Amino acid sequence: MLELILVRHGETDSNIRGAYCGWTDPDLNSKGMAQAQRVAEMLKGEKPDAIYSSCLKRAFNTSLIISKGLNPEILLDERLNEQNFGEWEDLTYCEISE
């Protein structure tokens, strides 16, 4: 039977600001790395065939942290990248409203 485990990337500084972050490519902050490590600990004992990840740093680095000890192949797929917000990229709602 197929089992699918979905994990969102860890926190970035853009997330803290409440910014629209689609194709903007911030890396994980320290809290985001810790969040990914907690997920890795929760998944100990799992035997995934692969990890699929967006090409963006926040998702890929979350995948790298989770994959340690599990040793699956990480498959990057740009179709998993988030939506591009165009001129709204990395802006907060207040900044967009102005």
PDB file of N, CA and C in Angstrom:
ATOM      1  N   MET A   1       0.848  -1.173   0.000  1.00  0.00           N
ATOM      2  CA  MET A   1       0.000   0.000   0.000  1.00  0.00           C
ATOM      3  C   MET A   1       0.899   1.245   0.000  1.00  0.00           C
ATOM      4  N   LEU A   2       0.520   2.234  -0.760  1.00  0.00           N
ATOM      5  CA  LEU A   2       1.254   3.492  -0.833  1.00  0.00           C
ATOM      6  C   LEU A   2       0.966   4.337   0.403  1.00  0.00           C
ATOM      7  N   GLU A   3       2.020   4.813   1.011  1.00  0.00           N
ATOM      8  CA  GLU A   3       1.876   5.753   2.127  1.00  0.00           C
ATOM      9  C   GLU A   3       2.594   7.034   1.741  1.00  0.00           C
ATOM     10  N   LEU A   4       1.932   8.153   1.901  1.00  0.00           N
ATOM     11  CA  LEU A   4       2.477   9.452   1.539  1.00  0.00           C
ATOM     12  C   LEU A   4       2.543  10.300   2.792  1.00  0.00           C
ATOM     13  N   ILE A   5       3.708  10.833   3.078  1.00  0.00           N
ATOM     14  CA  ILE A   5       3.891  11.716   4.228  1.00  0.00           C
ATOM     15  C   ILE A   5       4.213  13.103   3.688  1.00  0.00           C
ATOM     16  N   LEU A   6       3.380  14.075   4.012  1.00  0.00           N
ATOM     17  CA  LEU A   6       3.580  15.449   3.543  1.00  0.00           C
ATOM     18  C   LEU A   6       4.179  16.279   4.667  1.00  0.00           C
ATOM     19  N   VAL A   7       5.237  17.016   4.337  1.00  0.00           N
ATOM     20  CA  VAL A   7       5.915  17.870   5.313  1.00  0.00           C
ATOM     21  C   VAL A   7       6.128  19.228   4.678  1.00  0.00           C
ATOM     22  N   ARG A   8       5.752  20.265   5.383  1.00  0.00           N
ATOM     23  CA  ARG A   8       6.006  21.627   4.904  1.00  0.00           C
ATOM     24  C   ARG A   8       7.428  22.006   5.322  1.00  0.00           C
ATOM     25  N   HIS A   9       8.054  22.860   4.556  1.00  0.00           N
ATOM     26  CA  HIS A   9       9.404  23.320   4.888  1.00  0.00           C
ATOM     27  C   HIS A   9       9.406  24.021   6.238  1.00  0.00           C
ATOM     28  N   GLY A  10      10.577  24.095   6.844  1.00  0.00           N
ATOM     29  CA  GLY A  10      10.736  24.801   8.110  1.00  0.00           C
ATOM     30  C   GLY A  10      10.644  26.312   7.926  1.00  0.00           C
ATOM     31  N   GLU A  11      10.676  26.998   9.039  1.00  0.00           N
ATOM     32  CA  GLU A  11      10.497  28.454   9.060  1.00  0.00           C
ATOM     33  C   GLU A  11      11.647  29.196   8.384  1.00  0.00           C
ATOM     34  N   THR A  12      11.299  30.304   7.736  1.00  0.00           N
ATOM     35  CA  THR A  12      12.269  31.241   7.168  1.00  0.00           C
ATOM     36  C   THR A  12      11.998  32.623   7.767  1.00  0.00           C
ATOM     37  N   ASP A  13      12.929  33.522   7.588  1.00  0.00           N
ATOM     38  CA  ASP A  13      12.704  34.895   8.073  1.00  0.00           C
ATOM     39  C   ASP A  13      11.542  35.559   7.329  1.00  0.00           C
ATOM     40  N   SER A  14      11.345  35.193   6.071  1.00  0.00           N
ATOM     41  CA  SER A  14      10.208  35.732   5.322  1.00  0.00           C
ATOM     42  C   SER A  14       8.886  35.280   5.936  1.00  0.00           C
ATOM     43  N   ASN A  15       8.841  34.034   6.445  1.00  0.00           N
ATOM     44  CA  ASN A  15       7.637  33.553   7.128  1.00  0.00           C
ATOM     45  C   ASN A  15       7.350  34.390   8.362  1.00  0.00           C
ATOM     46  N   ILE A  16       8.381  34.729   9.113  1.00  0.00           N
ATOM     47  CA  ILE A  16       8.209  35.526  10.334  1.00  0.00           C
ATOM     48  C   ILE A  16       7.597  36.889   9.979  1.00  0.00           C
ATOM     49  N   ARG A  17       8.068  37.491   8.891  1.00  0.00           N
ATOM     50  CA  ARG A  17       7.564  38.798   8.456  1.00  0.00           C
ATOM     51  C   ARG A  17       6.156  38.716   7.889  1.00  0.00           C
ATOM     52  N   GLY A  18       5.676  37.500   7.574  1.00  0.00           N
ATOM     53  CA  GLY A  18       4.364  37.361   6.966  1.00  0.00           C
ATOM     54  C   GLY A  18       4.365  37.710   5.490  1.00  0.00           C
ATOM     55  N   ALA A  19       5.524  37.562   4.860  1.00  0.00           N
ATOM     56  CA  ALA A  19       5.667  37.936   3.453  1.00  0.00           C
ATOM     57  C   ALA A  19       5.134  36.848   2.534  1.00  0.00           C
ATOM     58  N   TYR A  20       4.655  37.276   1.365  1.00  0.00           N
ATOM     59  CA  TYR A  20       4.282  36.353   0.310  1.00  0.00           C
ATOM     60  C   TYR A  20       5.581  35.818  -0.285  1.00  0.00           C
ATOM     61  N   CYS A  21       5.827  34.557  -0.108  1.00  0.00           N
ATOM     62  CA  CYS A  21       7.126  33.990  -0.475  1.00  0.00           C
ATOM     63  C   CYS A  21       6.906  32.799  -1.399  1.00  0.00           C
ATOM     64  N   GLY A  22       6.844  33.059  -2.676  1.00  0.00           N
ATOM     65  CA  GLY A  22       6.675  31.997  -3.656  1.00  0.00           C
ATOM     66  C   GLY A  22       8.024  31.592  -4.225  1.00  0.00           C
ATOM     67  N   TRP A  23       8.478  32.335  -5.231  1.00  0.00           N
ATOM     68  CA  TRP A  23       9.760  32.014  -5.857  1.00  0.00           C
ATOM     69  C   TRP A  23      10.936  32.693  -5.171  1.00  0.00           C
ATOM     70  N   THR A  24      10.665  33.614  -4.261  1.00  0.00           N
ATOM     71  CA  THR A  24      11.751  34.162  -3.454  1.00  0.00           C
ATOM     72  C   THR A  24      12.379  32.973  -2.741  1.00  0.00           C
ATOM     73  N   ASP A  25      13.691  32.954  -2.609  1.00  0.00           N
ATOM     74  CA  ASP A  25      14.363  31.726  -2.177  1.00  0.00           C
ATOM     75  C   ASP A  25      15.140  31.883  -0.873  1.00  0.00           C
ATOM     76  N   PRO A  26      14.458  32.258   0.227  1.00  0.00           N
ATOM     77  CA  PRO A  26      15.189  32.354   1.485  1.00  0.00           C
ATOM     78  C   PRO A  26      15.511  30.966   2.029  1.00  0.00           C
ATOM     79  N   ASP A  27      16.569  30.905   2.782  1.00  0.00           N
ATOM     80  CA  ASP A  27      16.943  29.631   3.413  1.00  0.00           C
ATOM     81  C   ASP A  27      16.226  29.515   4.748  1.00  0.00           C
ATOM     82  N   LEU A  28      16.314  28.362   5.345  1.00  0.00           N
ATOM     83  CA  LEU A  28      15.758  28.149   6.678  1.00  0.00           C
ATOM     84  C   LEU A  28      16.493  29.010   7.689  1.00  0.00           C
ATOM     85  N   ASN A  29      15.777  29.490   8.686  1.00  0.00           N
ATOM     86  CA  ASN A  29      16.458  30.137   9.812  1.00  0.00           C
ATOM     87  C   ASN A  29      16.730  29.056  10.863  1.00  0.00           C
ATOM     88  N   SER A  30      17.275  29.427  12.008  1.00  0.00           N
ATOM     89  CA  SER A  30      17.644  28.413  13.011  1.00  0.00           C
ATOM     90  C   SER A  30      16.421  27.657  13.531  1.00  0.00           C
ATOM     91  N   LYS A  31      15.298  28.353  13.675  1.00  0.00           N
ATOM     92  CA  LYS A  31      14.081  27.673  14.119  1.00  0.00           C
ATOM     93  C   LYS A  31      13.617  26.683  13.050  1.00  0.00           C
ATOM     94  N   GLY A  32      13.711  27.065  11.787  1.00  0.00           N
ATOM     95  CA  GLY A  32      13.328  26.174  10.688  1.00  0.00           C
ATOM     96  C   GLY A  32      14.185  24.919  10.644  1.00  0.00           C
ATOM     97  N   MET A  33      15.484  25.068  10.905  1.00  0.00           N
ATOM     98  CA  MET A  33      16.365  23.893  10.943  1.00  0.00           C
ATOM     99  C   MET A  33      15.991  22.984  12.108  1.00  0.00           C
ATOM    100  N   ALA A  34      15.667  23.581  13.253  1.00  0.00           N
ATOM    101  CA  ALA A  34      15.245  22.791  14.416  1.00  0.00           C
ATOM    102  C   ALA A  34      13.916  22.078  14.135  1.00  0.00           C
ATOM    103  N   GLN A  35      13.001  22.748  13.443  1.00  0.00           N
ATOM    104  CA  GLN A  35      11.730  22.122  13.088  1.00  0.00           C
ATOM    105  C   GLN A  35      11.962  20.903  12.198  1.00  0.00           C
ATOM    106  N   ALA A  36      12.846  21.047  11.209  1.00  0.00           N
ATOM    107  CA  ALA A  36      13.150  19.924  10.316  1.00  0.00           C
ATOM    108  C   ALA A  36      13.788  18.780  11.095  1.00  0.00           C
ATOM    109  N   GLN A  37      14.647  19.115  12.051  1.00  0.00           N
ATOM    110  CA  GLN A  37      15.277  18.077  12.870  1.00  0.00           C
ATOM    111  C   GLN A  37      14.242  17.324  13.698  1.00  0.00           C
ATOM    112  N   ARG A  38      13.248  18.038  14.219  1.00  0.00           N
ATOM    113  CA  ARG A  38      12.173  17.374  14.982  1.00  0.00           C
ATOM    114  C   ARG A  38      11.377  16.416  14.094  1.00  0.00           C
ATOM    115  N   VAL A  39      11.133  16.829  12.857  1.00  0.00           N
ATOM    116  CA  VAL A  39      10.437  15.936  11.920  1.00  0.00           C
ATOM    117  C   VAL A  39      11.301  14.704  11.659  1.00  0.00           C
ATOM    118  N   ALA A  40      12.595  14.907  11.475  1.00  0.00           N
ATOM    119  CA  ALA A  40      13.503  13.772  11.248  1.00  0.00           C
ATOM    120  C   ALA A  40      13.423  12.783  12.407  1.00  0.00           C
ATOM    121  N   GLU A  41      13.374  13.293  13.621  1.00  0.00           N
ATOM    122  CA  GLU A  41      13.274  12.417  14.792  1.00  0.00           C
ATOM    123  C   GLU A  41      11.942  11.676  14.804  1.00  0.00           C
ATOM    124  N   MET A  42      10.868  12.349  14.400  1.00  0.00           N
ATOM    125  CA  MET A  42       9.546  11.719  14.358  1.00  0.00           C
ATOM    126  C   MET A  42       9.486  10.603  13.312  1.00  0.00           C
ATOM    127  N   LEU A  43      10.279  10.737  12.256  1.00  0.00           N
ATOM    128  CA  LEU A  43      10.240   9.768  11.159  1.00  0.00           C
ATOM    129  C   LEU A  43      11.269   8.654  11.291  1.00  0.00           C
ATOM    130  N   LYS A  44      12.007   8.630  12.396  1.00  0.00           N
ATOM    131  CA  LYS A  44      12.956   7.533  12.611  1.00  0.00           C
ATOM    132  C   LYS A  44      12.210   6.219  12.509  1.00  0.00           C
ATOM    133  N   GLY A  45      12.802   5.278  11.840  1.00  0.00           N
ATOM    134  CA  GLY A  45      12.161   3.977  11.679  1.00  0.00           C
ATOM    135  C   GLY A  45      11.366   3.857  10.387  1.00  0.00           C
ATOM    136  N   GLU A  46      11.066   4.979   9.751  1.00  0.00           N
ATOM    137  CA  GLU A  46      10.389   4.926   8.456  1.00  0.00           C
ATOM    138  C   GLU A  46      11.405   4.493   7.396  1.00  0.00           C
ATOM    139  N   LYS A  47      10.917   3.913   6.339  1.00  0.00           N
ATOM    140  CA  LYS A  47      11.788   3.462   5.248  1.00  0.00           C
ATOM    141  C   LYS A  47      11.267   4.015   3.915  1.00  0.00           C
ATOM    142  N   PRO A  48      11.387   5.328   3.719  1.00  0.00           N
ATOM    143  CA  PRO A  48      10.859   5.908   2.470  1.00  0.00           C
ATOM    144  C   PRO A  48      11.702   5.489   1.261  1.00  0.00           C
ATOM    145  N   ASP A  49      11.025   5.296   0.145  1.00  0.00           N
ATOM    146  CA  ASP A  49      11.726   4.989  -1.101  1.00  0.00           C
ATOM    147  C   ASP A  49      12.392   6.239  -1.666  1.00  0.00           C
ATOM    148  N   ALA A  50      11.776   7.381  -1.423  1.00  0.00           N
ATOM    149  CA  ALA A  50      12.298   8.642  -1.944  1.00  0.00           C
ATOM    150  C   ALA A  50      11.679   9.793  -1.175  1.00  0.00           C
ATOM    151  N   ILE A  51      12.347  10.931  -1.268  1.00  0.00           N
ATOM    152  CA  ILE A  51      11.800  12.189  -0.772  1.00  0.00           C
ATOM    153  C   ILE A  51      11.699  13.108  -1.986  1.00  0.00           C
ATOM    154  N   TYR A  52      10.521  13.654  -2.205  1.00  0.00           N
ATOM    155  CA  TYR A  52      10.299  14.596  -3.296  1.00  0.00           C
ATOM    156  C   TYR A  52      10.308  16.002  -2.711  1.00  0.00           C
ATOM    157  N   SER A  53      11.021  16.894  -3.377  1.00  0.00           N
ATOM    158  CA  SER A  53      11.168  18.247  -2.864  1.00  0.00           C
ATOM    159  C   SER A  53      11.109  19.262  -3.988  1.00  0.00           C
ATOM    160  N   SER A  54      10.611  20.431  -3.642  1.00  0.00           N
ATOM    161  CA  SER A  54      10.737  21.591  -4.504  1.00  0.00           C
ATOM    162  C   SER A  54      12.234  21.899  -4.653  1.00  0.00           C
ATOM    163  N   CYS A  55      12.573  22.665  -5.659  1.00  0.00           N
ATOM    164  CA  CYS A  55      13.973  23.061  -5.891  1.00  0.00           C
ATOM    165  C   CYS A  55      14.408  24.223  -5.004  1.00  0.00           C
ATOM    166  N   LEU A  56      13.466  24.846  -4.315  1.00  0.00           N
ATOM    167  CA  LEU A  56      13.782  26.015  -3.495  1.00  0.00           C
ATOM    168  C   LEU A  56      14.542  25.611  -2.238  1.00  0.00           C
ATOM    169  N   LYS A  57      15.479  26.473  -1.817  1.00  0.00           N
ATOM    170  CA  LYS A  57      16.367  26.149  -0.684  1.00  0.00           C
ATOM    171  C   LYS A  57      15.614  25.742   0.568  1.00  0.00           C
ATOM    172  N   ARG A  58      14.545  26.449   0.896  1.00  0.00           N
ATOM    173  CA  ARG A  58      13.848  26.153   2.146  1.00  0.00           C
ATOM    174  C   ARG A  58      13.294  24.737   2.155  1.00  0.00           C
ATOM    175  N   ALA A  59      12.802  24.269   1.015  1.00  0.00           N
ATOM    176  CA  ALA A  59      12.264  22.913   0.920  1.00  0.00           C
ATOM    177  C   ALA A  59      13.384  21.887   0.807  1.00  0.00           C
ATOM    178  N   PHE A  60      14.368  22.167  -0.040  1.00  0.00           N
ATOM    179  CA  PHE A  60      15.463  21.217  -0.230  1.00  0.00           C
ATOM    180  C   PHE A  60      16.249  21.020   1.064  1.00  0.00           C
ATOM    181  N   ASN A  61      16.555  22.108   1.767  1.00  0.00           N
ATOM    182  CA  ASN A  61      17.320  21.960   3.011  1.00  0.00           C
ATOM    183  C   ASN A  61      16.510  21.277   4.109  1.00  0.00           C
ATOM    184  N   THR A  62      15.200  21.480   4.119  1.00  0.00           N
ATOM    185  CA  THR A  62      14.342  20.718   5.027  1.00  0.00           C
ATOM    186  C   THR A  62      14.463  19.231   4.687  1.00  0.00           C
ATOM    187  N   SER A  63      14.425  18.906   3.410  1.00  0.00           N
ATOM    188  CA  SER A  63      14.546  17.515   2.963  1.00  0.00           C
ATOM    189  C   SER A  63      15.889  16.910   3.347  1.00  0.00           C
ATOM    190  N   LEU A  64      16.960  17.688   3.199  1.00  0.00           N
ATOM    191  CA  LEU A  64      18.284  17.186   3.563  1.00  0.00           C
ATOM    192  C   LEU A  64      18.359  16.817   5.037  1.00  0.00           C
ATOM    193  N   ILE A  65      17.833  17.680   5.880  1.00  0.00           N
ATOM    194  CA  ILE A  65      17.857  17.417   7.324  1.00  0.00           C
ATOM    195  C   ILE A  65      17.030  16.177   7.646  1.00  0.00           C
ATOM    196  N   ILE A  66      15.858  16.059   7.055  1.00  0.00           N
ATOM    197  CA  ILE A  66      14.985  14.921   7.320  1.00  0.00           C
ATOM    198  C   ILE A  66      15.603  13.621   6.803  1.00  0.00           C
ATOM    199  N   SER A  67      16.285  13.683   5.681  1.00  0.00           N
ATOM    200  CA  SER A  67      16.791  12.462   5.039  1.00  0.00           C
ATOM    201  C   SER A  67      17.972  11.825   5.771  1.00  0.00           C
ATOM    202  N   LYS A  68      18.684  12.573   6.612  1.00  0.00           N
ATOM    203  CA  LYS A  68      19.828  11.998   7.328  1.00  0.00           C
ATOM    204  C   LYS A  68      19.352  10.841   8.185  1.00  0.00           C
ATOM    205  N   GLY A  69      19.981   9.706   8.016  1.00  0.00           N
ATOM    206  CA  GLY A  69      19.596   8.524   8.762  1.00  0.00           C
ATOM    207  C   GLY A  69      18.552   7.683   8.052  1.00  0.00           C
ATOM    208  N   LEU A  70      17.778   8.297   7.166  1.00  0.00           N
ATOM    209  CA  LEU A  70      16.784   7.542   6.393  1.00  0.00           C
ATOM    210  C   LEU A  70      17.380   7.080   5.063  1.00  0.00           C
ATOM    211  N   ASN A  71      18.308   7.870   4.549  1.00  0.00           N
ATOM    212  CA  ASN A  71      19.061   7.585   3.320  1.00  0.00           C
ATOM    213  C   ASN A  71      18.246   7.364   2.053  1.00  0.00           C
ATOM    214  N   PRO A  72      17.120   8.014   1.879  1.00  0.00           N
ATOM    215  CA  PRO A  72      16.433   7.875   0.594  1.00  0.00           C
ATOM    216  C   PRO A  72      17.002   8.866  -0.415  1.00  0.00           C
ATOM    217  N   GLU A  73      16.708   8.635  -1.658  1.00  0.00           N
ATOM    218  CA  GLU A  73      17.086   9.587  -2.691  1.00  0.00           C
ATOM    219  C   GLU A  73      16.168  10.807  -2.576  1.00  0.00           C
ATOM    220  N   ILE A  74      16.739  12.011  -2.708  1.00  0.00           N
ATOM    221  CA  ILE A  74      15.940  13.234  -2.744  1.00  0.00           C
ATOM    222  C   ILE A  74      15.754  13.611  -4.212  1.00  0.00           C
ATOM    223  N   LEU A  75      14.509  13.628  -4.631  1.00  0.00           N
ATOM    224  CA  LEU A  75      14.181  13.948  -6.018  1.00  0.00           C
ATOM    225  C   LEU A  75      13.623  15.362  -6.084  1.00  0.00           C
ATOM    226  N   LEU A  76      14.347  16.238  -6.782  1.00  0.00           N
ATOM    227  CA  LEU A  76      13.911  17.626  -6.931  1.00  0.00           C
ATOM    228  C   LEU A  76      12.975  17.735  -8.123  1.00  0.00           C
ATOM    229  N   ASP A  77      11.887  18.468  -7.924  1.00  0.00           N
ATOM    230  CA  ASP A  77      10.910  18.629  -8.993  1.00  0.00           C
ATOM    231  C   ASP A  77      10.372  20.056  -8.935  1.00  0.00           C
ATOM    232  N   GLU A  78      10.674  20.823  -9.971  1.00  0.00           N
ATOM    233  CA  GLU A  78      10.254  22.228  -9.984  1.00  0.00           C
ATOM    234  C   GLU A  78       8.729  22.375 -10.000  1.00  0.00           C
ATOM    235  N   ARG A  79       7.999  21.328 -10.340  1.00  0.00           N
ATOM    236  CA  ARG A  79       6.538  21.398 -10.287  1.00  0.00           C
ATOM    237  C   ARG A  79       6.036  21.512  -8.854  1.00  0.00           C
ATOM    238  N   LEU A  80       6.907  21.239  -7.889  1.00  0.00           N
ATOM    239  CA  LEU A  80       6.548  21.388  -6.484  1.00  0.00           C
ATOM    240  C   LEU A  80       6.869  22.782  -5.951  1.00  0.00           C
ATOM    241  N   ASN A  81       7.518  23.607  -6.768  1.00  0.00           N
ATOM    242  CA  ASN A  81       7.807  24.984  -6.356  1.00  0.00           C
ATOM    243  C   ASN A  81       6.501  25.725  -6.115  1.00  0.00           C
ATOM    244  N   GLU A  82       6.569  26.681  -5.232  1.00  0.00           N
ATOM    245  CA  GLU A  82       5.361  27.441  -4.920  1.00  0.00           C
ATOM    246  C   GLU A  82       5.007  28.400  -6.053  1.00  0.00           C
ATOM    247  N   GLN A  83       3.833  28.960  -5.944  1.00  0.00           N
ATOM    248  CA  GLN A  83       3.328  29.932  -6.909  1.00  0.00           C
ATOM    249  C   GLN A  83       4.195  31.189  -6.892  1.00  0.00           C
ATOM    250  N   ASN A  84       4.408  31.775  -8.044  1.00  0.00           N
ATOM    251  CA  ASN A  84       5.130  33.040  -8.144  1.00  0.00           C
ATOM    252  C   ASN A  84       4.132  34.173  -7.895  1.00  0.00           C
ATOM    253  N   PHE A  85       4.423  35.023  -6.918  1.00  0.00           N
ATOM    254  CA  PHE A  85       3.527  36.133  -6.592  1.00  0.00           C
ATOM    255  C   PHE A  85       3.878  37.411  -7.353  1.00  0.00           C
ATOM    256  N   GLY A  86       4.793  37.323  -8.300  1.00  0.00           N
ATOM    257  CA  GLY A  86       5.130  38.472  -9.146  1.00  0.00           C
ATOM    258  C   GLY A  86       5.608  39.662  -8.333  1.00  0.00           C
ATOM    259  N   GLU A  87       4.991  40.823  -8.557  1.00  0.00           N
ATOM    260  CA  GLU A  87       5.397  42.054  -7.864  1.00  0.00           C
ATOM    261  C   GLU A  87       5.179  41.972  -6.360  1.00  0.00           C
ATOM    262  N   TRP A  88       4.380  41.026  -5.911  1.00  0.00           N
ATOM    263  CA  TRP A  88       4.106  40.885  -4.479  1.00  0.00           C
ATOM    264  C   TRP A  88       5.148  40.014  -3.771  1.00  0.00           C
ATOM    265  N   GLU A  89       6.068  39.433  -4.534  1.00  0.00           N
ATOM    266  CA  GLU A  89       7.073  38.538  -3.943  1.00  0.00           C
ATOM    267  C   GLU A  89       7.810  39.203  -2.788  1.00  0.00           C
ATOM    268  N   ASP A  90       7.875  38.489  -1.685  1.00  0.00           N
ATOM    269  CA  ASP A  90       8.596  38.868  -0.467  1.00  0.00           C
ATOM    270  C   ASP A  90       8.099  40.177   0.146  1.00  0.00           C
ATOM    271  N   LEU A  91       6.843  40.535  -0.156  1.00  0.00           N
ATOM    272  CA  LEU A  91       6.218  41.701   0.469  1.00  0.00           C
ATOM    273  C   LEU A  91       5.123  41.227   1.429  1.00  0.00           C
ATOM    274  N   THR A  92       4.905  41.984   2.482  1.00  0.00           N
ATOM    275  CA  THR A  92       3.811  41.685   3.403  1.00  0.00           C
ATOM    276  C   THR A  92       2.514  42.279   2.866  1.00  0.00           C
ATOM    277  N   TYR A  93       1.401  41.895   3.470  1.00  0.00           N
ATOM    278  CA  TYR A  93       0.112  42.442   3.059  1.00  0.00           C
ATOM    279  C   TYR A  93       0.110  43.963   3.202  1.00  0.00           C
ATOM    280  N   CYS A  94       0.651  44.476   4.293  1.00  0.00           N
ATOM    281  CA  CYS A  94       0.703  45.942   4.505  1.00  0.00           C
ATOM    282  C   CYS A  94       1.528  46.621   3.417  1.00  0.00           C
ATOM    283  N   GLU A  95       2.657  46.023   3.063  1.00  0.00           N
ATOM    284  CA  GLU A  95       3.506  46.607   2.010  1.00  0.00           C
ATOM    285  C   GLU A  95       2.789  46.601   0.667  1.00  0.00           C
ATOM    286  N   ILE A  96       2.046  45.559   0.392  1.00  0.00           N
ATOM    287  CA  ILE A  96       1.304  45.467  -0.871  1.00  0.00           C
ATOM    288  C   ILE A  96       0.195  46.513  -0.883  1.00  0.00           C
ATOM    289  N   SER A  97      -0.483  46.683   0.250  1.00  0.00           N
ATOM    290  CA  SER A  97      -1.585  47.634   0.345  1.00  0.00           C
ATOM    291  C   SER A  97      -1.138  49.080   0.117  1.00  0.00           C
ATOM    292  N   GLU A  98       0.090  49.370   0.530  1.00  0.00           N
ATOM    293  CA  GLU A  98       0.608  50.727   0.354  1.00  0.00           C
ATOM    294  C   GLU A  98       0.827  50.995  -1.122  1.00  0.00           C
TER     295      GLU A  98
END
